[in-house]
């Protein structure tokens, strides 16, 4: 009893604190709204709220109990359906096992009846598939296009195991194989539609050389297996001997004829067509390549001019060596004229005069030789510059498009190296021409120096003998 009284008193204290708090709240609200609320009114509101909560709790409890009975019904239905499906699954498993046993028996019976024919049909299926691919890409398909449908149907028929090939189909497969082998060893002339380079289609006579090439008069043709069309090559091989052989074979009636045969079934021919000519090679070099060629042309003109001029000067000097009268039309004659003008001068003065005359003749003989040497040095450097810039462009393209296509990288490197080839092509002849021209120039200067030294020696000898006689 005492405990209950203590508990009631404890609850009363809590209620009092709650009431005080609510009273404080009501007082604050009342302070805002300028209205007061009595304790009795507050107590009635609390009592009304508790009654409402009890009613809501009871309603929730009733709904939960109703839902519990409904859930039990759903659970019972699910368990009943599960039992039915398990019974059905067991029945289907028994049927599956029975069917599996029946299929095994039928398969064994089929294999027993087929015997060695099963291996034959497997080989026929493989041969039919391989022959279809081979015939599809063969030049003989131009004349016999209907065999692809037969081979495709036969391969699918054997592969599906629905039907076995008939004797007629087996014989036709053998016939098609034999005909392909026979046709690949023949040179056949026939008419077919050919797509020309301007896009028009014309029916012309063509010659098929086995399964290797198909040509017309003066042209190689191309067969497209995807479309079944025969067309002219967009570009024929540059070598004239190949084109002449097509005309000879097309116009031949009998006998042996030399012909440019492609044993790779188009590989060598495509490589010849894809190979750029000289003009295309130069175009691949770009601006740097054109500058290198311009330098080479300038150097060649200078070398030719120097060779002509030095050749004429060399002949005139040779002629002057055989003459006693100095001639002003050549370098040696002008040097000898200086000696004639200074016969009475002392040896040192004459030596200086002759050296001066030789120095005057040397620039004309060595003119533009330095430029040839510069070209021989600058040309390979420009080629290296073009190669570096081309490699930069190639790697930029690889950065954008990746390395999925090796032809992109190979083509870019090939174009980049063209400038190096052009630079070396110009530099090597320039070095040889510079050596040749400078050699002619040095030979003429050497003749002038030899004659000058001889004149000085003779003059010194005369003066020394003349001085000795006067002393005597």
Protein backbone atom coordinates (compact mmCIF):
# COMPACT_ATOMS: atom_id res chain seq x y z
CA UNK A 1 0.00 0.00 0.00
CA UNK A 2 2.85 2.31 0.89
CA UNK A 3 4.57 1.52 -2.42
CA UNK A 4 1.41 2.32 -4.33
CA UNK A 5 1.05 5.60 -2.45
CA UNK A 6 4.69 6.44 -3.29
CA UNK A 7 4.13 5.53 -6.95
CA UNK A 8 0.93 7.62 -7.07
CA UNK A 9 2.75 10.50 -5.48
CA UNK A 10 5.61 10.10 -7.99
CA UNK A 11 3.16 10.08 -10.87
CA UNK A 12 1.43 13.08 -9.34
CA UNK A 13 4.72 14.95 -9.24
CA UNK A 14 5.38 14.14 -12.87
CA UNK A 15 1.86 15.20 -13.80
CA UNK A 16 2.34 18.38 -11.84
CA UNK A 17 5.60 19.11 -13.68
CA UNK A 18 3.87 18.40 -16.96
CA UNK A 19 1.03 20.65 -16.02
CA UNK A 20 3.47 23.34 -15.02
CA UNK A 21 5.24 23.00 -18.36
CA UNK A 22 1.96 23.09 -20.26
CA UNK A 23 0.87 25.97 -18.12
CA UNK A 24 4.09 27.77 -18.97
CA UNK A 25 3.50 27.10 -22.63
CA UNK A 26 -0.10 28.24 -22.36
CA UNK A 27 1.02 31.33 -20.55
CA UNK A 28 3.57 32.08 -23.26
CA UNK A 29 0.96 31.53 -25.92
CA UNK A 30 -1.49 33.55 -23.93
CA UNK A 31 1.04 36.28 -23.64
CA UNK A 32 1.21 36.34 -27.38
CA UNK A 33 -2.57 36.18 -27.94
CA UNK A 34 -3.54 38.16 -24.82
CA UNK A 35 -5.81 35.26 -23.68
CA UNK A 36 -5.65 33.19 -20.46
CA UNK A 37 -6.46 29.46 -20.08
CA UNK A 38 -7.64 27.96 -16.73
CA UNK A 39 -6.35 24.71 -15.23
CA UNK A 40 -9.76 23.02 -15.58
CA UNK A 41 -9.88 23.73 -19.28
CA UNK A 42 -6.37 22.34 -19.70
CA UNK A 43 -7.33 19.21 -17.80
CA UNK A 44 -10.37 18.66 -20.00
CA UNK A 45 -8.29 18.97 -23.15
CA UNK A 46 -5.74 16.45 -21.87
CA UNK A 47 -8.54 14.04 -20.93
CA UNK A 48 -10.14 14.43 -24.33
CA UNK A 49 -6.81 13.70 -26.06
CA UNK A 50 -6.21 10.56 -24.03
CA UNK A 51 -9.68 9.23 -24.85
CA UNK A 52 -9.06 9.88 -28.53
CA UNK A 53 -5.72 8.05 -28.40
CA UNK A 54 -7.32 5.01 -26.76
CA UNK A 55 -9.94 4.83 -29.47
CA UNK A 56 -7.28 5.06 -32.20
CA UNK A 57 -5.23 2.32 -30.55
CA UNK A 58 -8.25 0.03 -30.42
CA UNK A 59 -9.05 0.68 -34.10
CA UNK A 60 -5.46 -0.16 -35.08
CA UNK A 61 -5.60 -3.34 -33.04
CA UNK A 62 -8.81 -4.42 -34.77
CA UNK A 63 -7.32 -3.76 -38.21
CA UNK A 64 -4.19 -5.74 -37.34
CA UNK A 65 -6.24 -8.72 -36.19
CA UNK A 66 -8.34 -8.61 -39.38
CA UNK A 67 -5.18 -8.43 -41.52
CA UNK A 68 -3.64 -11.31 -39.59
CA UNK A 69 -6.52 -13.59 -40.49
CA UNK A 70 -6.24 -12.49 -44.15
CA UNK A 71 -2.47 -13.17 -44.16
CA UNK A 72 -3.05 -16.62 -42.78
CA UNK A 73 -5.46 -17.31 -45.63
CA UNK A 74 -2.89 -16.13 -48.19
CA UNK A 75 -0.23 -18.30 -46.57
CA UNK A 76 -2.50 -21.35 -46.74
CA UNK A 77 -3.23 -20.68 -50.44
CA UNK A 78 0.49 -20.32 -51.20
CA UNK A 79 1.36 -23.56 -49.45
CA UNK A 80 -1.41 -25.33 -51.34
CA UNK A 81 -0.13 -23.97 -54.69
CA UNK A 82 3.42 -24.96 -53.77
CA UNK A 83 2.31 -28.54 -53.13
CA UNK A 84 0.54 -28.66 -56.48
CA UNK A 85 3.59 -27.32 -58.35
CA UNK A 86 5.89 -29.79 -56.62
CA UNK A 87 3.64 -32.63 -57.72
CA UNK A 88 3.65 -31.24 -61.28
CA UNK A 89 7.47 -30.89 -61.21
CA UNK A 90 7.89 -34.49 -60.19
CA UNK A 91 5.61 -35.57 -63.03
CA UNK A 92 7.57 -33.47 -65.56
CA UNK A 93 10.88 -34.90 -64.32
CA UNK A 94 9.57 -38.40 -64.88
CA UNK A 95 8.47 -37.45 -68.42
CA UNK A 96 11.87 -35.82 -69.08
CA UNK A 97 13.75 -38.90 -67.94
CA UNK A 98 11.54 -41.09 -70.10
CA UNK A 99 12.07 -38.83 -73.14
CA UNK A 100 15.81 -38.71 -72.52
CA UNK A 101 15.95 -42.50 -72.52
CA UNK A 102 13.88 -42.59 -75.71
CA UNK A 103 16.15 -40.02 -77.44
CA UNK A 104 19.23 -42.03 -76.50
CA UNK A 105 17.66 -45.17 -77.96
CA UNK A 106 16.71 -43.35 -81.20
CA UNK A 107 20.17 -41.75 -81.48
CA UNK A 108 21.85 -45.11 -81.05
CA UNK A 109 19.55 -46.61 -83.68
CA UNK A 110 20.34 -43.71 -86.07
CA UNK A 111 24.09 -44.03 -85.58
CA UNK A 112 23.87 -47.78 -86.08
CA UNK A 113 21.99 -47.39 -89.33
CA UNK A 114 24.21 -44.57 -90.62
CA UNK A 115 27.41 -46.49 -89.95
CA UNK A 116 30.31 -45.17 -92.03
CA UNK A 117 27.99 -42.79 -93.91
CA UNK A 118 28.09 -40.44 -90.95
CA UNK A 119 31.76 -39.68 -91.57
CA UNK A 120 31.02 -39.25 -95.26
CA UNK A 121 28.31 -36.69 -94.59
CA UNK A 122 30.60 -34.82 -92.18
CA UNK A 123 33.29 -34.61 -94.84
CA UNK A 124 30.68 -33.50 -97.38
CA UNK A 125 29.52 -30.72 -95.11
CA UNK A 126 33.07 -29.49 -94.60
CA UNK A 127 33.90 -29.71 -98.31
CA UNK A 128 30.69 -27.90 -99.22
CA UNK A 129 31.45 -25.01 -96.84
CA UNK A 130 35.08 -24.70 -97.94
CA UNK A 131 34.13 -24.92 -101.62
CA UNK A 132 31.50 -22.23 -101.22
CA UNK A 133 34.06 -19.78 -99.84
CA UNK A 134 36.66 -20.72 -102.46
CA UNK A 135 34.23 -20.53 -105.37
CA UNK A 136 32.85 -17.21 -104.11
CA UNK A 137 36.27 -15.55 -104.53
CA UNK A 138 37.25 -17.41 -107.70
CA UNK A 139 37.25 -15.82 -111.16
CA UNK A 140 35.35 -18.82 -112.48
CA UNK A 141 32.35 -17.60 -110.49
CA UNK A 142 31.82 -15.00 -113.24
CA UNK A 143 30.78 -17.78 -115.63
CA UNK A 144 29.11 -20.12 -113.11
CA UNK A 145 27.38 -17.97 -110.47
CA UNK A 146 24.58 -20.49 -109.70
CA UNK A 147 26.79 -23.04 -107.92
CA UNK A 148 27.03 -20.94 -104.75
CA UNK A 149 23.33 -21.42 -104.02
CA UNK A 150 23.65 -25.19 -104.41
CA UNK A 151 26.69 -25.43 -102.13
CA UNK A 152 25.10 -23.24 -99.45
CA UNK A 153 21.90 -25.29 -99.49
CA UNK A 154 23.83 -28.56 -99.34
CA UNK A 155 25.95 -27.42 -96.37
CA UNK A 156 22.90 -26.27 -94.40
CA UNK A 157 21.00 -29.47 -95.24
CA UNK A 158 23.76 -31.74 -93.96
CA UNK A 159 24.48 -29.54 -90.93
CA UNK A 160 20.88 -29.51 -89.73
CA UNK A 161 20.71 -33.37 -89.87
CA UNK A 162 17.13 -33.05 -91.00
CA UNK A 163 17.75 -34.65 -94.36
CA UNK A 164 20.51 -36.68 -95.90
CA UNK A 165 22.02 -35.66 -99.24
CA UNK A 166 20.80 -37.53 -102.24
CA UNK A 167 22.96 -39.35 -104.75
CA UNK A 168 22.36 -36.59 -107.30
CA UNK A 169 23.62 -33.95 -104.86
CA UNK A 170 26.74 -35.97 -104.09
CA UNK A 171 27.47 -36.36 -107.80
CA UNK A 172 26.95 -32.63 -108.44
CA UNK A 173 29.36 -31.73 -105.62
CA UNK A 174 31.97 -33.94 -107.24
CA UNK A 175 31.19 -32.36 -110.63
CA UNK A 176 31.61 -28.80 -109.31
CA UNK A 177 34.95 -29.63 -107.74
CA UNK A 178 36.16 -31.26 -110.93
CA UNK A 179 34.97 -28.36 -113.06
CA UNK A 180 36.76 -25.84 -110.83
CA UNK A 181 40.04 -27.74 -111.14
CA UNK A 182 39.62 -27.97 -114.91
CA UNK A 183 38.75 -24.30 -115.38
CA UNK A 184 41.71 -23.05 -113.32
CA UNK A 185 44.01 -24.59 -115.93
CA UNK A 186 42.39 -22.91 -118.94
CA UNK A 187 42.70 -19.59 -120.73
CA UNK A 188 39.10 -18.78 -121.67
CA UNK A 189 37.68 -15.97 -123.77
CA UNK A 190 34.08 -14.88 -123.17
CA UNK A 191 31.83 -11.81 -123.02
CA UNK A 192 30.64 -10.20 -119.81
CA UNK A 193 29.53 -6.85 -118.43
CA UNK A 194 32.44 -4.63 -117.39
CA UNK A 195 32.20 -1.38 -115.42
CA UNK A 196 34.54 1.17 -116.98
CA UNK A 197 36.38 3.93 -115.13
CA UNK A 198 33.71 6.51 -116.01
CA UNK A 199 31.04 4.33 -114.30
CA UNK A 200 29.29 3.01 -117.39
CA UNK A 201 28.65 -0.70 -117.88
CA UNK A 202 29.54 -2.30 -121.20
CA UNK A 203 29.52 -5.85 -122.45
CA UNK A 204 32.95 -6.60 -123.88
CA UNK A 205 35.16 -9.58 -124.58
CA UNK A 206 37.50 -10.57 -121.77
CA UNK A 207 40.10 -13.27 -121.24
CA UNK A 208 40.31 -15.24 -118.02
CA UNK A 209 43.72 -16.75 -117.25
CA UNK A 210 42.79 -19.66 -114.99
CA UNK A 211 41.85 -18.31 -111.57
CA UNK A 212 44.70 -15.78 -111.57
CA UNK A 213 43.83 -12.81 -113.78
CA UNK A 214 41.11 -11.45 -116.01
CA UNK A 215 42.08 -8.99 -118.74
CA UNK A 216 40.90 -7.20 -121.83
CA UNK A 217 42.86 -5.57 -124.64
CA UNK A 218 45.63 -3.60 -122.91
CA UNK A 219 44.04 -3.60 -119.45
CA UNK A 220 43.83 -5.65 -116.30
CA UNK A 221 40.36 -6.11 -114.83
CA UNK A 222 39.17 -6.70 -111.29
CA UNK A 223 36.47 -9.03 -109.98
CA UNK A 224 34.48 -8.02 -106.89
CA UNK A 225 33.16 -11.16 -105.12
CA UNK A 226 30.76 -9.15 -102.92
CA UNK A 227 28.86 -7.65 -105.85
CA UNK A 228 29.79 -10.11 -108.60
CA UNK A 229 30.85 -7.22 -110.90
CA UNK A 230 33.86 -7.03 -113.21
CA UNK A 231 35.41 -3.56 -113.45
CA UNK A 232 38.45 -1.85 -114.83
CA UNK A 233 41.25 -1.12 -112.41
CA UNK A 234 41.29 2.53 -111.35
CA UNK A 235 44.96 2.51 -112.23
CA UNK A 236 47.00 0.19 -114.40
CA UNK A 237 50.57 -0.94 -113.61
CA UNK A 238 53.23 1.55 -114.67
CA UNK A 239 55.47 -1.04 -116.30
CA UNK A 240 54.76 -1.08 -120.02
CA UNK A 241 55.80 -4.70 -120.41
CA UNK A 242 52.85 -5.84 -118.32
CA UNK A 243 50.37 -3.87 -120.43
CA UNK A 244 51.93 -5.16 -123.64
CA UNK A 245 51.55 -8.73 -122.40
CA UNK A 246 47.79 -8.24 -121.90
CA UNK A 247 47.39 -7.08 -125.50
CA UNK A 248 49.50 -9.97 -126.77
CA UNK A 249 47.45 -12.54 -124.87
CA UNK A 250 44.11 -10.96 -125.81
CA UNK A 251 44.94 -10.94 -129.51
CA UNK A 252 46.67 -14.33 -129.59
CA UNK A 253 44.94 -17.20 -131.37
CA UNK A 254 47.31 -20.03 -130.49
CA UNK A 255 50.85 -20.80 -129.37
CA UNK A 256 52.85 -19.54 -126.42
CA UNK A 257 52.50 -15.92 -125.27
CA UNK A 258 54.46 -14.07 -122.61
CA UNK A 259 52.05 -12.78 -119.99
CA UNK A 260 52.43 -10.96 -116.67
CA UNK A 261 50.71 -13.53 -114.43
CA UNK A 262 49.87 -12.75 -110.81
CA UNK A 263 50.22 -16.03 -108.87
CA UNK A 264 48.92 -14.39 -105.67
CA UNK A 265 45.44 -13.91 -107.18
CA UNK A 266 45.67 -10.12 -107.15
CA UNK A 267 48.17 -9.40 -104.37
CA UNK A 268 51.12 -8.45 -106.57
CA UNK A 269 48.89 -6.51 -108.96
CA UNK A 270 47.39 -4.49 -106.12
CA UNK A 271 50.86 -3.70 -104.77
CA UNK A 272 51.97 -2.48 -108.21
CA UNK A 273 48.89 -0.30 -108.48
CA UNK A 274 49.28 1.11 -104.98
CA UNK A 275 52.94 1.95 -105.56
CA UNK A 276 53.13 5.72 -106.20
CA UNK A 277 54.90 7.01 -109.29
CA UNK A 278 57.61 9.67 -109.36
CA UNK A 279 55.16 12.58 -109.44
CA UNK A 280 53.20 11.23 -106.49
CA UNK A 281 56.41 10.65 -104.55
CA UNK A 282 57.39 14.26 -105.07
CA UNK A 283 53.93 15.42 -104.00
CA UNK A 284 54.25 13.43 -100.78
CA UNK A 285 57.29 15.51 -99.84
CA UNK A 286 55.17 18.65 -99.61
CA UNK A 287 56.67 22.14 -99.48
CA UNK A 288 60.03 20.95 -98.14
CA UNK A 289 60.31 18.47 -101.00
CA UNK A 290 59.66 21.15 -103.62
CA UNK A 291 62.28 23.41 -102.04
CA UNK A 292 64.84 20.60 -102.13
CA UNK A 293 64.10 19.96 -105.79
CA UNK A 294 64.39 23.68 -106.55
CA UNK A 295 67.81 23.76 -104.85
CA UNK A 296 68.85 20.72 -106.85
CA UNK A 297 67.80 22.34 -110.12
CA UNK A 298 69.67 25.54 -109.26
CA UNK A 299 72.78 23.58 -108.32
CA UNK A 300 72.57 21.54 -111.51
CA UNK A 301 72.34 24.68 -113.65
CA UNK A 302 75.29 26.21 -111.82
CA UNK A 303 77.35 23.05 -112.23
CA UNK A 304 76.57 22.84 -115.95
CA UNK A 305 77.47 26.51 -116.43
CA UNK A 306 80.73 26.07 -114.54
CA UNK A 307 81.65 22.94 -116.47
CA UNK A 308 81.09 24.70 -119.78
CA UNK A 309 82.96 27.84 -118.74
CA UNK A 310 85.87 25.96 -117.17
CA UNK A 311 86.05 23.61 -120.13
CA UNK A 312 86.39 26.54 -122.53
CA UNK A 313 88.94 28.20 -120.22
CA UNK A 314 90.93 24.96 -119.98
CA UNK A 315 91.09 24.63 -123.77
CA UNK A 316 92.22 28.23 -124.14
CA UNK A 317 94.91 27.78 -121.49
CA UNK A 318 96.11 24.62 -123.25
CA UNK A 319 96.25 26.51 -126.52
CA UNK A 320 98.19 29.33 -124.82
CA UNK A 321 100.76 26.83 -123.57
CA UNK A 322 101.50 25.92 -127.17
CA UNK A 323 101.81 29.59 -128.25
CA UNK A 324 104.61 32.08 -127.58
CA UNK A 325 102.40 35.15 -127.97
CA UNK A 326 100.23 36.04 -124.96
CA UNK A 327 96.51 36.26 -125.74
CA UNK A 328 94.13 38.29 -123.58
CA UNK A 329 91.22 35.88 -124.10
CA UNK A 330 92.52 33.41 -121.48
CA UNK A 331 93.82 33.53 -117.94
CA UNK A 332 97.34 32.29 -118.77
CA UNK A 333 97.70 34.85 -121.53
CA UNK A 334 96.78 37.67 -119.17
CA UNK A 335 99.33 36.42 -116.63
CA UNK A 336 102.03 36.24 -119.33
CA UNK A 337 101.15 39.77 -120.40
CA UNK A 338 102.00 40.97 -116.89
CA UNK A 339 105.44 39.36 -117.30
CA UNK A 340 106.00 41.08 -120.62
CA UNK A 341 105.05 44.41 -119.08
CA UNK A 342 107.51 43.94 -116.20
CA UNK A 343 110.55 42.34 -117.84
CA UNK A 344 112.96 44.87 -116.40
CA UNK A 345 111.61 44.68 -112.86
CA UNK A 346 113.47 42.88 -110.13
CA UNK A 347 112.51 39.33 -109.14
CA UNK A 348 110.52 40.23 -106.06
CA UNK A 349 108.48 42.85 -107.89
CA UNK A 350 107.77 40.47 -110.75
CA UNK A 351 106.73 37.76 -108.30
CA UNK A 352 104.29 40.11 -106.62
CA UNK A 353 102.89 41.26 -109.96
CA UNK A 354 102.36 37.69 -111.15
CA UNK A 355 100.76 36.69 -107.82
CA UNK A 356 98.42 39.63 -108.13
CA UNK A 357 97.47 38.60 -111.66
CA UNK A 358 96.78 35.03 -110.53
CA UNK A 359 94.64 36.30 -107.61
CA UNK A 360 92.62 38.35 -110.11
CA UNK A 361 91.96 35.26 -112.24
CA UNK A 362 91.12 32.91 -109.33
CA UNK A 363 87.66 34.37 -108.36
CA UNK A 364 86.38 33.98 -111.91
CA UNK A 365 87.54 30.35 -111.95
CA UNK A 366 86.10 29.51 -108.48
CA UNK A 367 82.85 31.46 -108.91
CA UNK A 368 79.71 29.70 -107.47
CA UNK A 369 81.69 26.64 -106.34
CA UNK A 370 80.95 27.49 -102.71
CA UNK A 371 77.23 27.60 -103.50
CA UNK A 372 77.40 24.06 -104.89
CA UNK A 373 79.05 22.91 -101.67
CA UNK A 374 76.39 24.66 -99.61
CA UNK A 375 73.62 22.93 -101.56
CA UNK A 376 75.24 19.53 -101.00
CA UNK A 377 75.18 20.21 -97.24
CA UNK A 378 71.81 21.94 -96.94
CA UNK A 379 69.80 19.45 -99.06
CA UNK A 380 70.06 16.47 -96.64
CA UNK A 381 69.43 18.80 -93.68
CA UNK A 382 66.22 20.01 -95.34
CA UNK A 383 65.30 16.38 -95.97
CA UNK A 384 65.79 15.64 -92.28
CA UNK A 385 63.63 18.64 -91.43
CA UNK A 386 60.83 17.35 -93.65
CA UNK A 387 61.11 13.90 -92.07
CA UNK A 388 60.86 15.29 -88.55
CA UNK A 389 57.82 17.43 -89.38
CA UNK A 390 56.20 14.47 -91.12
CA UNK A 391 56.78 12.26 -88.08
CA UNK A 392 55.23 14.92 -85.86
CA UNK A 393 52.13 14.96 -88.05
CA UNK A 394 52.01 11.16 -87.98
CA UNK A 395 52.11 10.99 -84.20
CA UNK A 396 49.47 13.70 -83.96
CA UNK A 397 47.22 11.57 -86.16
CA UNK A 398 47.92 8.57 -83.94
CA UNK A 399 46.96 10.64 -80.91
CA UNK A 400 43.61 11.49 -82.50
CA UNK A 401 42.72 8.16 -84.13
CA UNK A 402 44.77 5.63 -82.14
CA UNK A 403 46.85 2.73 -83.44
CA UNK A 404 43.96 0.58 -84.65
CA UNK A 405 44.95 1.00 -88.30
CA UNK A 406 48.63 0.13 -89.00
CA UNK A 407 48.32 1.56 -92.52
CA UNK A 408 47.82 5.03 -91.07
CA UNK A 409 51.18 4.94 -89.28
CA UNK A 410 52.99 3.20 -92.15
CA UNK A 411 51.65 5.69 -94.70
CA UNK A 412 52.62 8.68 -92.56
CA UNK A 413 56.16 7.39 -92.00
CA UNK A 414 56.51 6.64 -95.72
CA UNK A 415 55.53 10.20 -96.62
CA UNK A 416 57.86 11.60 -93.97
CA UNK A 417 60.85 9.69 -95.34
CA UNK A 418 60.26 11.01 -98.87
CA UNK A 419 61.94 14.30 -98.00
CA UNK A 420 65.01 12.45 -96.74
CA UNK A 421 65.19 10.57 -100.03
CA UNK A 422 64.86 13.82 -101.98
CA UNK A 423 67.56 15.47 -99.87
CA UNK A 424 70.00 12.62 -100.46
CA UNK A 425 69.05 12.49 -104.15
CA UNK A 426 70.06 16.13 -104.48
CA UNK A 427 73.07 16.05 -102.15
CA UNK A 428 74.90 13.09 -103.71
CA UNK A 429 75.03 14.52 -107.29
CA UNK A 430 75.92 17.96 -105.91
CA UNK A 431 78.93 16.51 -104.08
CA UNK A 432 80.09 14.77 -107.26
CA UNK A 433 79.52 17.86 -109.42
CA UNK A 434 81.29 20.11 -106.91
CA UNK A 435 84.27 17.77 -106.89
CA UNK A 436 84.37 17.66 -110.69
CA UNK A 437 84.01 21.41 -111.19
CA UNK A 438 86.42 22.36 -108.42
CA UNK A 439 88.93 19.90 -109.87
CA UNK A 440 88.83 21.66 -113.23
CA UNK A 441 89.20 25.02 -111.55
CA UNK A 442 92.16 23.88 -109.45
CA UNK A 443 93.82 22.42 -112.53
CA UNK A 444 93.69 25.78 -114.33
CA UNK A 445 94.94 27.65 -111.25
CA UNK A 446 97.72 25.10 -110.91
CA UNK A 447 98.80 25.75 -114.53
CA UNK A 448 98.87 29.47 -113.81
CA UNK A 449 100.96 28.94 -110.69
CA UNK A 450 103.37 26.59 -112.49
CA UNK A 451 103.88 29.02 -115.36
CA UNK A 452 104.29 31.91 -112.92
CA UNK A 453 106.88 29.98 -110.92
CA UNK A 454 108.73 29.11 -114.13
CA UNK A 455 108.72 32.72 -115.27
CA UNK A 456 110.03 33.90 -111.90
CA UNK A 457 112.77 31.26 -111.91
CA UNK A 458 113.86 32.19 -115.43
CA UNK A 459 113.79 35.90 -114.58
CA UNK A 460 115.84 35.36 -111.42
CA UNK A 461 118.35 33.26 -113.31
CA UNK A 462 118.81 35.94 -115.95
CA UNK A 463 119.24 38.65 -113.38
CA UNK A 464 121.73 36.60 -111.36
CA UNK A 465 123.82 35.80 -114.47
CA UNK A 466 123.67 39.43 -115.60
CA UNK A 467 124.85 40.66 -112.19
CA UNK A 468 127.79 38.22 -112.16
CA UNK A 469 129.00 39.33 -115.62
CA UNK A 470 128.95 42.99 -114.60
CA UNK A 471 131.07 42.25 -111.53
CA UNK A 472 133.61 40.36 -113.64
